[in-house]
Amino acid sequence: MTWKNCLFVLVVATFLMPAAQAGNVWLTEYELRIDGTEFGCQINGTTCPPTLPGNVSSTIDGLTGLGTITVTLAATGPGTHTISSFFDIWIESENSSFWDEFGQAVGTLPTGPSVLRWEIDEPGLVFGDIKTNFENDLLDNSNSTFAQVPDDVSMALGWAIPMVAGQTATVTFTTGTSVPQGFYLQQWDSVEPNNVYFSSTLNLTAPPPVDGQVPEPSTWLAMLGGFGALAFRKFRS
């Protein structure tokens, strides 16, 4: 075989090779839930991503499930808003399948009026209740997969955000293969050296000023100091 024929075979073989996924990561299902309304899809290779409302932007890959979802929510009145996301991602290869995986929560949950909740569980085909909890905004901060034999792992994160009129909340959910900062969920395969990380951030604007609002203590001190200076000058004159 001549070098030209060898080059031709190499080029053809390269084009015929199946497209490599990110560490053999495959999306099975994902859901986004905003104040009780759900948007999502189950994978057949063609049904993802779902149609999302105008206040949501997404870079989630329809095959791997990796990327970001960003939700921007403006409050028109006082109340608590809920924003959550669910992912069922498989880490597969010819040497492993989706039922040999584990999950764990890593780090410390953020503190404050806004509450971040999480859950790792089998997605409900055998024993898991994560989908039921997700659909009722009742994620229970538990991991039902790590202490048992390996199984299909799914993960969910959800925010409960107290807001007043004029505030805007921006929530981002990220799935990826790089370790994020802060609190995150981790999924890995018992055979393949691959990991999927799931994390979320919240940016909440400050409440708008209220007409007639009582000044802060520091403001009162400054005002009293000013009055005192005026009185002293009048006394001296």
C-alpha atoms as a PDB file:
ATOM      1  CA  MET A   1       0.000   0.000   0.000  1.00  0.00           C
ATOM      2  CA  THR A   2       1.434   3.396  -0.948  1.00  0.00           C
ATOM      3  CA  TRP A   3       1.662   6.356   1.444  1.00  0.00           C
ATOM      4  CA  LYS A   4      -1.181   8.028  -0.473  1.00  0.00           C
ATOM      5  CA  ASN A   5      -3.452   5.023   0.117  1.00  0.00           C
ATOM      6  CA  CYS A   6      -2.474   4.973   3.792  1.00  0.00           C
ATOM      7  CA  LEU A   7      -3.325   8.664   4.120  1.00  0.00           C
ATOM      8  CA  PHE A   8      -6.688   8.077   2.431  1.00  0.00           C
ATOM      9  CA  VAL A   9      -7.557   5.230   4.824  1.00  0.00           C
ATOM     10  CA  LEU A  10      -6.553   7.365   7.832  1.00  0.00           C
ATOM     11  CA  VAL A  11      -8.729  10.279   6.709  1.00  0.00           C
ATOM     12  CA  VAL A  12     -11.738   8.030   6.038  1.00  0.00           C
ATOM     13  CA  ALA A  13     -11.351   6.294   9.404  1.00  0.00           C
ATOM     14  CA  THR A  14     -11.218   9.655  11.167  1.00  0.00           C
ATOM     15  CA  PHE A  15     -14.490  10.782   9.595  1.00  0.00           C
ATOM     16  CA  LEU A  16     -16.170   7.438  10.296  1.00  0.00           C
ATOM     17  CA  MET A  17     -15.317   7.487  13.998  1.00  0.00           C
ATOM     18  CA  PRO A  18     -18.321   8.308  16.205  1.00  0.00           C
ATOM     19  CA  ALA A  19     -18.347  11.791  17.677  1.00  0.00           C
ATOM     20  CA  ALA A  20     -16.839  11.703  21.158  1.00  0.00           C
ATOM     21  CA  GLN A  21     -19.028  12.920  23.990  1.00  0.00           C
ATOM     22  CA  ALA A  22     -17.651  14.804  27.000  1.00  0.00           C
ATOM     23  CA  GLY A  23     -16.270  11.852  28.944  1.00  0.00           C
ATOM     24  CA  ASN A  24     -19.073   9.535  27.746  1.00  0.00           C
ATOM     25  CA  VAL A  25     -21.673  11.771  29.389  1.00  0.00           C
ATOM     26  CA  TRP A  26     -25.233  11.502  28.105  1.00  0.00           C
ATOM     27  CA  LEU A  27     -28.314  13.493  29.017  1.00  0.00           C
ATOM     28  CA  THR A  28     -31.428  11.471  29.803  1.00  0.00           C
ATOM     29  CA  GLU A  29     -33.735  14.122  31.236  1.00  0.00           C
ATOM     30  CA  TYR A  30     -33.706  17.627  32.600  1.00  0.00           C
ATOM     31  CA  GLU A  31     -36.363  19.859  34.102  1.00  0.00           C
ATOM     32  CA  LEU A  32     -36.548  23.517  35.058  1.00  0.00           C
ATOM     33  CA  ARG A  33     -39.218  24.665  37.510  1.00  0.00           C
ATOM     34  CA  ILE A  34     -40.130  28.331  38.081  1.00  0.00           C
ATOM     35  CA  ASP A  35     -42.847  29.178  40.625  1.00  0.00           C
ATOM     36  CA  GLY A  36     -44.620  25.884  39.977  1.00  0.00           C
ATOM     37  CA  THR A  37     -44.362  25.891  36.171  1.00  0.00           C
ATOM     38  CA  GLU A  38     -42.109  23.211  34.643  1.00  0.00           C
ATOM     39  CA  PHE A  39     -40.102  23.224  31.430  1.00  0.00           C
ATOM     40  CA  GLY A  40     -38.130  20.165  30.437  1.00  0.00           C
ATOM     41  CA  CYS A  41     -37.445  17.248  28.171  1.00  0.00           C
ATOM     42  CA  GLN A  42     -36.599  13.592  28.018  1.00  0.00           C
ATOM     43  CA  ILE A  43     -33.884  12.569  25.633  1.00  0.00           C
ATOM     44  CA  ASN A  44     -34.317  10.720  22.412  1.00  0.00           C
ATOM     45  CA  GLY A  45     -31.601  12.732  20.769  1.00  0.00           C
ATOM     46  CA  THR A  46     -34.084  15.150  19.244  1.00  0.00           C
ATOM     47  CA  THR A  47     -36.411  16.412  21.985  1.00  0.00           C
ATOM     48  CA  CYS A  48     -33.920  18.576  23.897  1.00  0.00           C
ATOM     49  CA  PRO A  49     -33.542  21.390  24.655  1.00  0.00           C
ATOM     50  CA  PRO A  50     -37.120  22.331  25.549  1.00  0.00           C
ATOM     51  CA  THR A  51     -38.858  25.569  24.654  1.00  0.00           C
ATOM     52  CA  LEU A  52     -38.058  28.031  27.428  1.00  0.00           C
ATOM     53  CA  PRO A  53     -39.716  31.329  28.437  1.00  0.00           C
ATOM     54  CA  GLY A  54     -38.141  34.655  27.545  1.00  0.00           C
ATOM     55  CA  ASN A  55     -36.608  35.216  30.986  1.00  0.00           C
ATOM     56  CA  VAL A  56     -34.512  32.030  30.675  1.00  0.00           C
ATOM     57  CA  SER A  57     -31.306  31.558  28.707  1.00  0.00           C
ATOM     58  CA  SER A  58     -29.652  28.162  28.292  1.00  0.00           C
ATOM     59  CA  THR A  59     -26.483  26.651  26.849  1.00  0.00           C
ATOM     60  CA  ILE A  60     -27.364  23.089  27.911  1.00  0.00           C
ATOM     61  CA  ASP A  61     -26.104  20.628  25.313  1.00  0.00           C
ATOM     62  CA  GLY A  62     -28.934  18.408  24.104  1.00  0.00           C
ATOM     63  CA  LEU A  63     -26.734  15.303  24.087  1.00  0.00           C
ATOM     64  CA  THR A  64     -24.479  15.669  27.132  1.00  0.00           C
ATOM     65  CA  GLY A  65     -26.622  17.828  29.411  1.00  0.00           C
ATOM     66  CA  LEU A  66     -23.632  20.035  30.177  1.00  0.00           C
ATOM     67  CA  GLY A  67     -23.903  23.833  30.201  1.00  0.00           C
ATOM     68  CA  THR A  68     -25.748  26.566  32.074  1.00  0.00           C
ATOM     69  CA  ILE A  69     -29.318  27.704  32.631  1.00  0.00           C
ATOM     70  CA  THR A  70     -29.878  31.304  33.760  1.00  0.00           C
ATOM     71  CA  VAL A  71     -33.254  32.493  35.060  1.00  0.00           C
ATOM     72  CA  THR A  72     -33.983  36.209  35.624  1.00  0.00           C
ATOM     73  CA  LEU A  73     -37.058  36.877  37.737  1.00  0.00           C
ATOM     74  CA  ALA A  74     -38.418  40.347  38.578  1.00  0.00           C
ATOM     75  CA  ALA A  75     -40.773  40.589  41.560  1.00  0.00           C
ATOM     76  CA  THR A  76     -43.918  42.699  41.252  1.00  0.00           C
ATOM     77  CA  GLY A  77     -44.894  42.249  44.892  1.00  0.00           C
ATOM     78  CA  PRO A  78     -43.778  40.656  48.160  1.00  0.00           C
ATOM     79  CA  GLY A  79     -43.536  36.884  48.317  1.00  0.00           C
ATOM     80  CA  THR A  80     -41.247  33.862  48.078  1.00  0.00           C
ATOM     81  CA  HIS A  81     -40.295  32.630  44.617  1.00  0.00           C
ATOM     82  CA  THR A  82     -38.989  29.146  43.834  1.00  0.00           C
ATOM     83  CA  ILE A  83     -36.553  28.247  41.043  1.00  0.00           C
ATOM     84  CA  SER A  84     -35.150  24.724  40.723  1.00  0.00           C
ATOM     85  CA  SER A  85     -33.574  22.358  38.217  1.00  0.00           C
ATOM     86  CA  PHE A  86     -33.327  18.553  37.871  1.00  0.00           C
ATOM     87  CA  PHE A  87     -30.835  16.511  35.823  1.00  0.00           C
ATOM     88  CA  ASP A  88     -30.597  12.815  35.046  1.00  0.00           C
ATOM     89  CA  ILE A  89     -27.231  12.358  33.314  1.00  0.00           C
ATOM     90  CA  TRP A  90     -25.622   9.020  32.501  1.00  0.00           C
ATOM     91  CA  ILE A  91     -21.884   8.341  32.524  1.00  0.00           C
ATOM     92  CA  GLU A  92     -21.562   5.412  30.124  1.00  0.00           C
ATOM     93  CA  SER A  93     -19.080   3.548  27.966  1.00  0.00           C
ATOM     94  CA  GLU A  94     -18.594   0.038  26.646  1.00  0.00           C
ATOM     95  CA  ASN A  95     -17.086  -0.803  30.053  1.00  0.00           C
ATOM     96  CA  SER A  96     -19.820   0.677  32.249  1.00  0.00           C
ATOM     97  CA  SER A  97     -23.470   1.642  32.311  1.00  0.00           C
ATOM     98  CA  PHE A  98     -25.782   4.082  34.083  1.00  0.00           C
ATOM     99  CA  TRP A  99     -26.509   1.835  37.076  1.00  0.00           C
ATOM    100  CA  ASP A 100     -22.936   1.827  38.457  1.00  0.00           C
ATOM    101  CA  GLU A 101     -22.780   5.462  39.591  1.00  0.00           C
ATOM    102  CA  PHE A 102     -22.599   7.369  42.876  1.00  0.00           C
ATOM    103  CA  GLY A 103     -23.272  10.910  44.053  1.00  0.00           C
ATOM    104  CA  GLN A 104     -22.348  13.198  46.908  1.00  0.00           C
ATOM    105  CA  ALA A 105     -22.882  16.749  48.154  1.00  0.00           C
ATOM    106  CA  VAL A 106     -19.708  18.765  48.726  1.00  0.00           C
ATOM    107  CA  GLY A 107     -19.217  21.973  50.711  1.00  0.00           C
ATOM    108  CA  THR A 108     -21.434  24.138  52.880  1.00  0.00           C
ATOM    109  CA  LEU A 109     -24.817  25.477  51.823  1.00  0.00           C
ATOM    110  CA  PRO A 110     -25.022  29.279  51.556  1.00  0.00           C
ATOM    111  CA  THR A 111     -26.737  31.090  54.418  1.00  0.00           C
ATOM    112  CA  GLY A 112     -29.212  33.944  54.328  1.00  0.00           C
ATOM    113  CA  PRO A 113     -32.902  34.625  53.752  1.00  0.00           C
ATOM    114  CA  SER A 114     -32.730  32.785  50.405  1.00  0.00           C
ATOM    115  CA  VAL A 115     -32.529  29.006  50.894  1.00  0.00           C
ATOM    116  CA  LEU A 116     -30.774  26.547  48.570  1.00  0.00           C
ATOM    117  CA  ARG A 117     -31.971  22.938  48.828  1.00  0.00           C
ATOM    118  CA  TRP A 118     -30.671  19.817  47.092  1.00  0.00           C
ATOM    119  CA  GLU A 119     -31.246  16.103  46.557  1.00  0.00           C
ATOM    120  CA  ILE A 120     -29.384  13.156  45.002  1.00  0.00           C
ATOM    121  CA  ASP A 121     -31.440  10.040  44.305  1.00  0.00           C
ATOM    122  CA  GLU A 122     -32.370   7.291  41.914  1.00  0.00           C
ATOM    123  CA  PRO A 123     -34.790   9.043  39.497  1.00  0.00           C
ATOM    124  CA  GLY A 124     -37.907   7.119  40.527  1.00  0.00           C
ATOM    125  CA  LEU A 125     -37.761   4.082  38.266  1.00  0.00           C
ATOM    126  CA  VAL A 126     -36.891   1.817  41.221  1.00  0.00           C
ATOM    127  CA  PHE A 127     -36.975   3.485  44.642  1.00  0.00           C
ATOM    128  CA  GLY A 128     -36.245   7.211  44.359  1.00  0.00           C
ATOM    129  CA  ASP A 129     -38.601  10.045  45.330  1.00  0.00           C
ATOM    130  CA  ILE A 130     -36.529  12.920  43.888  1.00  0.00           C
ATOM    131  CA  LYS A 131     -38.969  13.655  41.056  1.00  0.00           C
ATOM    132  CA  THR A 132     -41.916  13.803  43.460  1.00  0.00           C
ATOM    133  CA  ASN A 133     -39.989  16.109  45.787  1.00  0.00           C
ATOM    134  CA  PHE A 134     -38.824  18.261  42.888  1.00  0.00           C
ATOM    135  CA  GLU A 135     -42.355  18.655  41.523  1.00  0.00           C
ATOM    136  CA  ASN A 136     -43.567  19.783  44.959  1.00  0.00           C
ATOM    137  CA  ASP A 137     -40.611  22.092  45.753  1.00  0.00           C
ATOM    138  CA  LEU A 138     -39.690  19.775  48.643  1.00  0.00           C
ATOM    139  CA  LEU A 139     -36.092  18.759  47.957  1.00  0.00           C
ATOM    140  CA  ASP A 140     -34.952  17.147  51.221  1.00  0.00           C
ATOM    141  CA  ASN A 141     -31.169  17.740  51.376  1.00  0.00           C
ATOM    142  CA  SER A 142     -30.471  14.002  51.250  1.00  0.00           C
ATOM    143  CA  ASN A 143     -28.383  11.539  49.240  1.00  0.00           C
ATOM    144  CA  SER A 144     -30.090   8.183  48.684  1.00  0.00           C
ATOM    145  CA  THR A 145     -27.492   6.770  46.284  1.00  0.00           C
ATOM    146  CA  PHE A 146     -24.129   6.911  48.013  1.00  0.00           C
ATOM    147  CA  ALA A 147     -24.945   4.618  50.951  1.00  0.00           C
ATOM    148  CA  GLN A 148     -26.489   1.956  48.723  1.00  0.00           C
ATOM    149  CA  VAL A 149     -25.170  -0.111  45.846  1.00  0.00           C
ATOM    150  CA  PRO A 150     -24.395   1.885  42.686  1.00  0.00           C
ATOM    151  CA  ASP A 151     -27.456   2.927  40.702  1.00  0.00           C
ATOM    152  CA  ASP A 152     -28.778   5.489  38.243  1.00  0.00           C
ATOM    153  CA  VAL A 153     -27.966   8.885  39.773  1.00  0.00           C
ATOM    154  CA  SER A 154     -30.060  12.029  39.313  1.00  0.00           C
ATOM    155  CA  MET A 155     -29.551  15.409  40.990  1.00  0.00           C
ATOM    156  CA  ALA A 156     -31.647  18.480  41.783  1.00  0.00           C
ATOM    157  CA  LEU A 157     -31.019  21.956  43.196  1.00  0.00           C
ATOM    158  CA  GLY A 158     -33.674  24.496  44.136  1.00  0.00           C
ATOM    159  CA  TRP A 159     -33.908  28.013  45.574  1.00  0.00           C
ATOM    160  CA  ALA A 160     -36.604  29.590  47.754  1.00  0.00           C
ATOM    161  CA  ILE A 161     -36.118  33.370  47.443  1.00  0.00           C
ATOM    162  CA  PRO A 162     -38.052  35.938  49.535  1.00  0.00           C
ATOM    163  CA  MET A 163     -38.499  39.083  47.418  1.00  0.00           C
ATOM    164  CA  VAL A 164     -40.247  42.444  47.462  1.00  0.00           C
ATOM    165  CA  ALA A 165     -41.537  44.531  44.582  1.00  0.00           C
ATOM    166  CA  GLY A 166     -38.731  45.948  42.496  1.00  0.00           C
ATOM    167  CA  GLN A 167     -36.196  43.237  43.296  1.00  0.00           C
ATOM    168  CA  THR A 168     -34.643  41.021  40.607  1.00  0.00           C
ATOM    169  CA  ALA A 169     -33.244  37.544  41.186  1.00  0.00           C
ATOM    170  CA  THR A 170     -30.794  35.953  38.754  1.00  0.00           C
ATOM    171  CA  VAL A 171     -30.286  32.214  39.292  1.00  0.00           C
ATOM    172  CA  THR A 172     -27.749  30.185  37.327  1.00  0.00           C
ATOM    173  CA  PHE A 173     -27.536  26.392  37.254  1.00  0.00           C
ATOM    174  CA  THR A 174     -24.325  24.861  35.894  1.00  0.00           C
ATOM    175  CA  THR A 175     -23.515  21.275  34.945  1.00  0.00           C
ATOM    176  CA  GLY A 176     -19.942  20.567  33.939  1.00  0.00           C
ATOM    177  CA  THR A 177     -16.836  18.436  34.284  1.00  0.00           C
ATOM    178  CA  SER A 178     -14.761  21.012  36.220  1.00  0.00           C
ATOM    179  CA  VAL A 179     -14.942  21.388  39.989  1.00  0.00           C
ATOM    180  CA  PRO A 180     -16.981  24.526  40.836  1.00  0.00           C
ATOM    181  CA  GLN A 181     -16.518  26.853  43.773  1.00  0.00           C
ATOM    182  CA  GLY A 182     -18.740  26.769  46.835  1.00  0.00           C
ATOM    183  CA  PHE A 183     -21.412  24.144  47.409  1.00  0.00           C
ATOM    184  CA  TYR A 184     -22.005  21.587  44.640  1.00  0.00           C
ATOM    185  CA  LEU A 185     -23.283  18.102  43.838  1.00  0.00           C
ATOM    186  CA  GLN A 186     -20.972  15.515  42.306  1.00  0.00           C
ATOM    187  CA  GLN A 187     -21.790  12.407  40.270  1.00  0.00           C
ATOM    188  CA  TRP A 188     -19.227   9.813  39.256  1.00  0.00           C
ATOM    189  CA  ASP A 189     -18.964   6.348  37.743  1.00  0.00           C
ATOM    190  CA  SER A 190     -17.512   3.349  39.560  1.00  0.00           C
ATOM    191  CA  VAL A 191     -15.610   2.258  36.437  1.00  0.00           C
ATOM    192  CA  GLU A 192     -15.009   5.325  34.273  1.00  0.00           C
ATOM    193  CA  PRO A 193     -12.831   8.168  35.631  1.00  0.00           C
ATOM    194  CA  ASN A 194     -15.476  10.777  34.801  1.00  0.00           C
ATOM    195  CA  ASN A 195     -17.296  13.268  37.012  1.00  0.00           C
ATOM    196  CA  VAL A 196     -20.280  15.564  36.533  1.00  0.00           C
ATOM    197  CA  TYR A 197     -20.625  18.585  38.821  1.00  0.00           C
ATOM    198  CA  PHE A 198     -23.889  20.453  39.442  1.00  0.00           C
ATOM    199  CA  SER A 199     -23.933  23.868  41.124  1.00  0.00           C
ATOM    200  CA  SER A 200     -26.022  27.023  41.347  1.00  0.00           C
ATOM    201  CA  THR A 201     -25.566  30.713  42.154  1.00  0.00           C
ATOM    202  CA  LEU A 202     -28.017  33.467  43.111  1.00  0.00           C
ATOM    203  CA  ASN A 203     -27.651  37.200  42.563  1.00  0.00           C
ATOM    204  CA  LEU A 204     -30.400  39.227  44.244  1.00  0.00           C
ATOM    205  CA  THR A 205     -30.656  42.993  43.878  1.00  0.00           C
ATOM    206  CA  ALA A 206     -31.131  45.093  47.007  1.00  0.00           C
ATOM    207  CA  PRO A 207     -34.677  46.128  47.962  1.00  0.00           C
ATOM    208  CA  PRO A 208     -35.681  49.509  46.482  1.00  0.00           C
ATOM    209  CA  PRO A 209     -35.858  52.482  48.891  1.00  0.00           C
ATOM    210  CA  VAL A 210     -39.251  53.156  50.442  1.00  0.00           C
ATOM    211  CA  ASP A 211     -40.708  56.685  50.550  1.00  0.00           C
ATOM    212  CA  GLY A 212     -40.751  57.982  54.127  1.00  0.00           C
ATOM    213  CA  GLN A 213     -38.369  55.286  55.288  1.00  0.00           C
ATOM    214  CA  VAL A 214     -36.824  55.974  58.724  1.00  0.00           C
ATOM    215  CA  PRO A 215     -33.117  56.832  58.313  1.00  0.00           C
ATOM    216  CA  GLU A 216     -30.515  54.348  59.468  1.00  0.00           C
ATOM    217  CA  PRO A 217     -28.948  54.986  62.934  1.00  0.00           C
ATOM    218  CA  SER A 218     -25.791  56.375  61.325  1.00  0.00           C
ATOM    219  CA  THR A 219     -27.956  58.911  59.482  1.00  0.00           C
ATOM    220  CA  TRP A 220     -29.654  59.972  62.711  1.00  0.00           C
ATOM    221  CA  LEU A 221     -26.271  60.482  64.400  1.00  0.00           C
ATOM    222  CA  ALA A 222     -25.098  62.685  61.556  1.00  0.00           C
ATOM    223  CA  MET A 223     -28.309  64.720  61.739  1.00  0.00           C
ATOM    224  CA  LEU A 224     -28.047  65.134  65.534  1.00  0.00           C
ATOM    225  CA  GLY A 225     -24.427  66.206  65.172  1.00  0.00           C
ATOM    226  CA  GLY A 226     -25.463  68.837  62.683  1.00  0.00           C
ATOM    227  CA  PHE A 227     -28.230  70.146  64.950  1.00  0.00           C
ATOM    228  CA  GLY A 228     -25.803  70.272  67.884  1.00  0.00           C
ATOM    229  CA  ALA A 229     -23.299  72.311  65.895  1.00  0.00           C
ATOM    230  CA  LEU A 230     -25.993  74.812  64.896  1.00  0.00           C
ATOM    231  CA  ALA A 231     -27.175  75.163  68.508  1.00  0.00           C
ATOM    232  CA  PHE A 232     -23.618  75.718  69.760  1.00  0.00           C
ATOM    233  CA  ARG A 233     -22.988  78.459  67.203  1.00  0.00           C
ATOM    234  CA  LYS A 234     -26.223  80.211  68.156  1.00  0.00           C
ATOM    235  CA  PHE A 235     -25.294  79.990  71.844  1.00  0.00           C
ATOM    236  CA  ARG A 236     -21.844  81.556  71.200  1.00  0.00           C
ATOM    237  CA  SER A 237     -23.274  84.386  69.058  1.00  0.00           C
END
